[in-house]
Amino acid sequence: MTKARKQAIKKEIKNSDWDMSEPNNLALALLSNELEKQELIDFSIMFREDTSDAWLQVEYINQDLNYPVIVDYDFPQCFDNSDAFIETLKEIETKITKIDEMIK
């Protein structure tokens, strides 16, 4: 991940309503939408819920299948700082690369 991309993500975090030290699934999902719009990430952090639980799920569209693939059912809700959040984004990108390699 380039330094410019990291700085752009940090800027979007500052401009968002998300307090990374407090659980807020909806604010994090909205931040994810903005990061996607800015083409800073190519996956979605989605807010999901059922009658007894709520969680953050990471998914992306696999280009070979042209189908959504769920990468993570348990994306963290809180982070110590923006660098920890960015590191988690990098880990998700690594998982996506591995999934893409397995699908090919």
C-alpha atoms as a PDB file:
ATOM      1  CA  MET A   1       0.000   0.000   0.000  1.00  0.00           C
ATOM      2  CA  THR A   2       1.435   3.337  -1.030  1.00  0.00           C
ATOM      3  CA  LYS A   3       2.030   6.196   1.367  1.00  0.00           C
ATOM      4  CA  ALA A   4      -0.378   8.380  -0.617  1.00  0.00           C
ATOM      5  CA  ARG A   5      -3.113   5.755  -0.324  1.00  0.00           C
ATOM      6  CA  LYS A   6      -2.544   5.433   3.429  1.00  0.00           C
ATOM      7  CA  GLN A   7      -2.799   9.203   3.819  1.00  0.00           C
ATOM      8  CA  ALA A   8      -5.992   9.295   1.768  1.00  0.00           C
ATOM      9  CA  ILE A   9      -7.534   6.578   3.959  1.00  0.00           C
ATOM     10  CA  LYS A  10      -6.509   8.465   7.113  1.00  0.00           C
ATOM     11  CA  LYS A  11      -8.124  11.611   5.690  1.00  0.00           C
ATOM     12  CA  GLU A  12     -11.386   9.742   5.041  1.00  0.00           C
ATOM     13  CA  ILE A  13     -11.306   8.357   8.603  1.00  0.00           C
ATOM     14  CA  LYS A  14     -10.956  11.891   9.989  1.00  0.00           C
ATOM     15  CA  ASN A  15     -13.819  13.121   7.784  1.00  0.00           C
ATOM     16  CA  SER A  16     -16.114  10.278   8.842  1.00  0.00           C
ATOM     17  CA  ASP A  17     -18.387   9.907  11.869  1.00  0.00           C
ATOM     18  CA  TRP A  18     -16.521   6.782  12.934  1.00  0.00           C
ATOM     19  CA  ASP A  19     -14.820   6.762  16.341  1.00  0.00           C
ATOM     20  CA  MET A  20     -12.481   3.819  15.886  1.00  0.00           C
ATOM     21  CA  SER A  21     -12.272   3.168  19.642  1.00  0.00           C
ATOM     22  CA  GLU A  22     -16.028   2.520  19.938  1.00  0.00           C
ATOM     23  CA  PRO A  23     -18.052  -0.248  18.279  1.00  0.00           C
ATOM     24  CA  ASN A  24     -20.224   1.284  15.563  1.00  0.00           C
ATOM     25  CA  ASN A  25     -20.952  -1.103  12.718  1.00  0.00           C
ATOM     26  CA  LEU A  26     -23.001   1.364  10.715  1.00  0.00           C
ATOM     27  CA  ALA A  27     -20.391   4.160  10.822  1.00  0.00           C
ATOM     28  CA  LEU A  28     -17.676   1.721   9.754  1.00  0.00           C
ATOM     29  CA  ALA A  29     -19.827   0.403   6.895  1.00  0.00           C
ATOM     30  CA  LEU A  30     -20.460   3.991   5.749  1.00  0.00           C
ATOM     31  CA  LEU A  31     -16.721   4.686   5.874  1.00  0.00           C
ATOM     32  CA  SER A  32     -16.156   1.572   3.772  1.00  0.00           C
ATOM     33  CA  ASN A  33     -18.615   2.897   1.187  1.00  0.00           C
ATOM     34  CA  GLU A  34     -16.690   6.157   0.998  1.00  0.00           C
ATOM     35  CA  LEU A  35     -13.347   4.337   0.687  1.00  0.00           C
ATOM     36  CA  GLU A  36     -14.825   2.335  -2.195  1.00  0.00           C
ATOM     37  CA  LYS A  37     -16.140   5.458  -3.911  1.00  0.00           C
ATOM     38  CA  GLN A  38     -12.685   7.014  -3.657  1.00  0.00           C
ATOM     39  CA  GLU A  39     -11.239   3.727  -5.050  1.00  0.00           C
ATOM     40  CA  LEU A  40      -9.051   3.325  -1.970  1.00  0.00           C
ATOM     41  CA  ILE A  41     -10.317  -0.226  -1.378  1.00  0.00           C
ATOM     42  CA  ASP A  42     -11.864  -2.720  -3.784  1.00  0.00           C
ATOM     43  CA  PHE A  43     -13.977  -4.634  -1.284  1.00  0.00           C
ATOM     44  CA  SER A  44     -16.933  -3.857   0.949  1.00  0.00           C
ATOM     45  CA  ILE A  45     -17.264  -3.893   4.712  1.00  0.00           C
ATOM     46  CA  MET A  46     -20.963  -4.622   5.077  1.00  0.00           C
ATOM     47  CA  PHE A  47     -23.186  -4.280   8.122  1.00  0.00           C
ATOM     48  CA  ARG A  48     -25.251  -7.440   8.572  1.00  0.00           C
ATOM     49  CA  GLU A  49     -27.784  -8.386  11.211  1.00  0.00           C
ATOM     50  CA  ASP A  50     -30.380 -10.967  12.102  1.00  0.00           C
ATOM     51  CA  THR A  51     -32.873 -11.189  14.939  1.00  0.00           C
ATOM     52  CA  SER A  52     -30.241 -11.774  17.620  1.00  0.00           C
ATOM     53  CA  ASP A  53     -26.902 -10.503  16.316  1.00  0.00           C
ATOM     54  CA  ALA A  54     -25.122  -7.922  14.182  1.00  0.00           C
ATOM     55  CA  TRP A  55     -21.709  -8.107  12.544  1.00  0.00           C
ATOM     56  CA  LEU A  56     -19.424  -6.687   9.894  1.00  0.00           C
ATOM     57  CA  GLN A  57     -18.819  -8.856   6.854  1.00  0.00           C
ATOM     58  CA  VAL A  58     -16.164  -8.282   4.186  1.00  0.00           C
ATOM     59  CA  GLU A  59     -16.967  -9.202   0.613  1.00  0.00           C
ATOM     60  CA  TYR A  60     -15.745  -8.422  -2.882  1.00  0.00           C
ATOM     61  CA  ILE A  61     -16.665  -9.247  -6.456  1.00  0.00           C
ATOM     62  CA  ASN A  62     -14.362 -11.881  -7.922  1.00  0.00           C
ATOM     63  CA  GLN A  63     -13.605 -10.879 -11.508  1.00  0.00           C
ATOM     64  CA  ASP A  64     -13.384 -14.460 -12.814  1.00  0.00           C
ATOM     65  CA  LEU A  65     -16.700 -15.539 -11.325  1.00  0.00           C
ATOM     66  CA  ASN A  66     -18.360 -12.117 -11.502  1.00  0.00           C
ATOM     67  CA  TYR A  67     -19.873 -13.083  -8.180  1.00  0.00           C
ATOM     68  CA  PRO A  68     -19.535 -11.766  -4.614  1.00  0.00           C
ATOM     69  CA  VAL A  69     -17.176 -13.672  -2.342  1.00  0.00           C
ATOM     70  CA  ILE A  70     -17.304 -13.365   1.437  1.00  0.00           C
ATOM     71  CA  VAL A  71     -13.800 -12.872   2.805  1.00  0.00           C
ATOM     72  CA  ASP A  72     -14.477 -12.386   6.520  1.00  0.00           C
ATOM     73  CA  TYR A  73     -17.554 -12.806   8.734  1.00  0.00           C
ATOM     74  CA  ASP A  74     -16.028 -11.100  11.749  1.00  0.00           C
ATOM     75  CA  PHE A  75     -14.347  -7.821  10.770  1.00  0.00           C
ATOM     76  CA  PRO A  76     -13.196  -5.975  13.910  1.00  0.00           C
ATOM     77  CA  GLN A  77     -15.363  -3.137  15.188  1.00  0.00           C
ATOM     78  CA  CYS A  78     -12.669  -1.202  17.056  1.00  0.00           C
ATOM     79  CA  PHE A  79      -9.051  -0.256  16.403  1.00  0.00           C
ATOM     80  CA  ASP A  80      -6.331   1.388  18.499  1.00  0.00           C
ATOM     81  CA  ASN A  81      -5.460   3.830  15.722  1.00  0.00           C
ATOM     82  CA  SER A  82      -5.724   4.443  11.989  1.00  0.00           C
ATOM     83  CA  ASP A  83      -2.514   2.490  11.318  1.00  0.00           C
ATOM     84  CA  ALA A  84      -4.072  -0.620  12.907  1.00  0.00           C
ATOM     85  CA  PHE A  85      -7.153  -0.167  10.704  1.00  0.00           C
ATOM     86  CA  ILE A  86      -4.987   0.208   7.591  1.00  0.00           C
ATOM     87  CA  GLU A  87      -3.013  -2.901   8.538  1.00  0.00           C
ATOM     88  CA  THR A  88      -6.286  -4.836   8.754  1.00  0.00           C
ATOM     89  CA  LEU A  89      -7.260  -3.551   5.298  1.00  0.00           C
ATOM     90  CA  LYS A  90      -3.923  -4.814   3.981  1.00  0.00           C
ATOM     91  CA  GLU A  91      -4.597  -8.231   5.549  1.00  0.00           C
ATOM     92  CA  ILE A  92      -7.975  -8.357   3.803  1.00  0.00           C
ATOM     93  CA  GLU A  93      -6.288  -7.524   0.479  1.00  0.00           C
ATOM     94  CA  THR A  94      -3.843 -10.392   1.052  1.00  0.00           C
ATOM     95  CA  LYS A  95      -6.759 -12.772   1.729  1.00  0.00           C
ATOM     96  CA  ILE A  96      -8.461 -11.613  -1.464  1.00  0.00           C
ATOM     97  CA  THR A  97      -5.299 -12.246  -3.481  1.00  0.00           C
ATOM     98  CA  LYS A  98      -5.100 -15.787  -2.062  1.00  0.00           C
ATOM     99  CA  ILE A  99      -8.771 -16.453  -2.798  1.00  0.00           C
ATOM    100  CA  ASP A 100      -8.350 -15.189  -6.366  1.00  0.00           C
ATOM    101  CA  GLU A 101      -5.353 -17.487  -6.844  1.00  0.00           C
ATOM    102  CA  MET A 102      -7.358 -20.489  -5.585  1.00  0.00           C
ATOM    103  CA  ILE A 103     -10.255 -19.724  -7.908  1.00  0.00           C
ATOM    104  CA  LYS A 104      -8.099 -19.476 -11.053  1.00  0.00           C
END
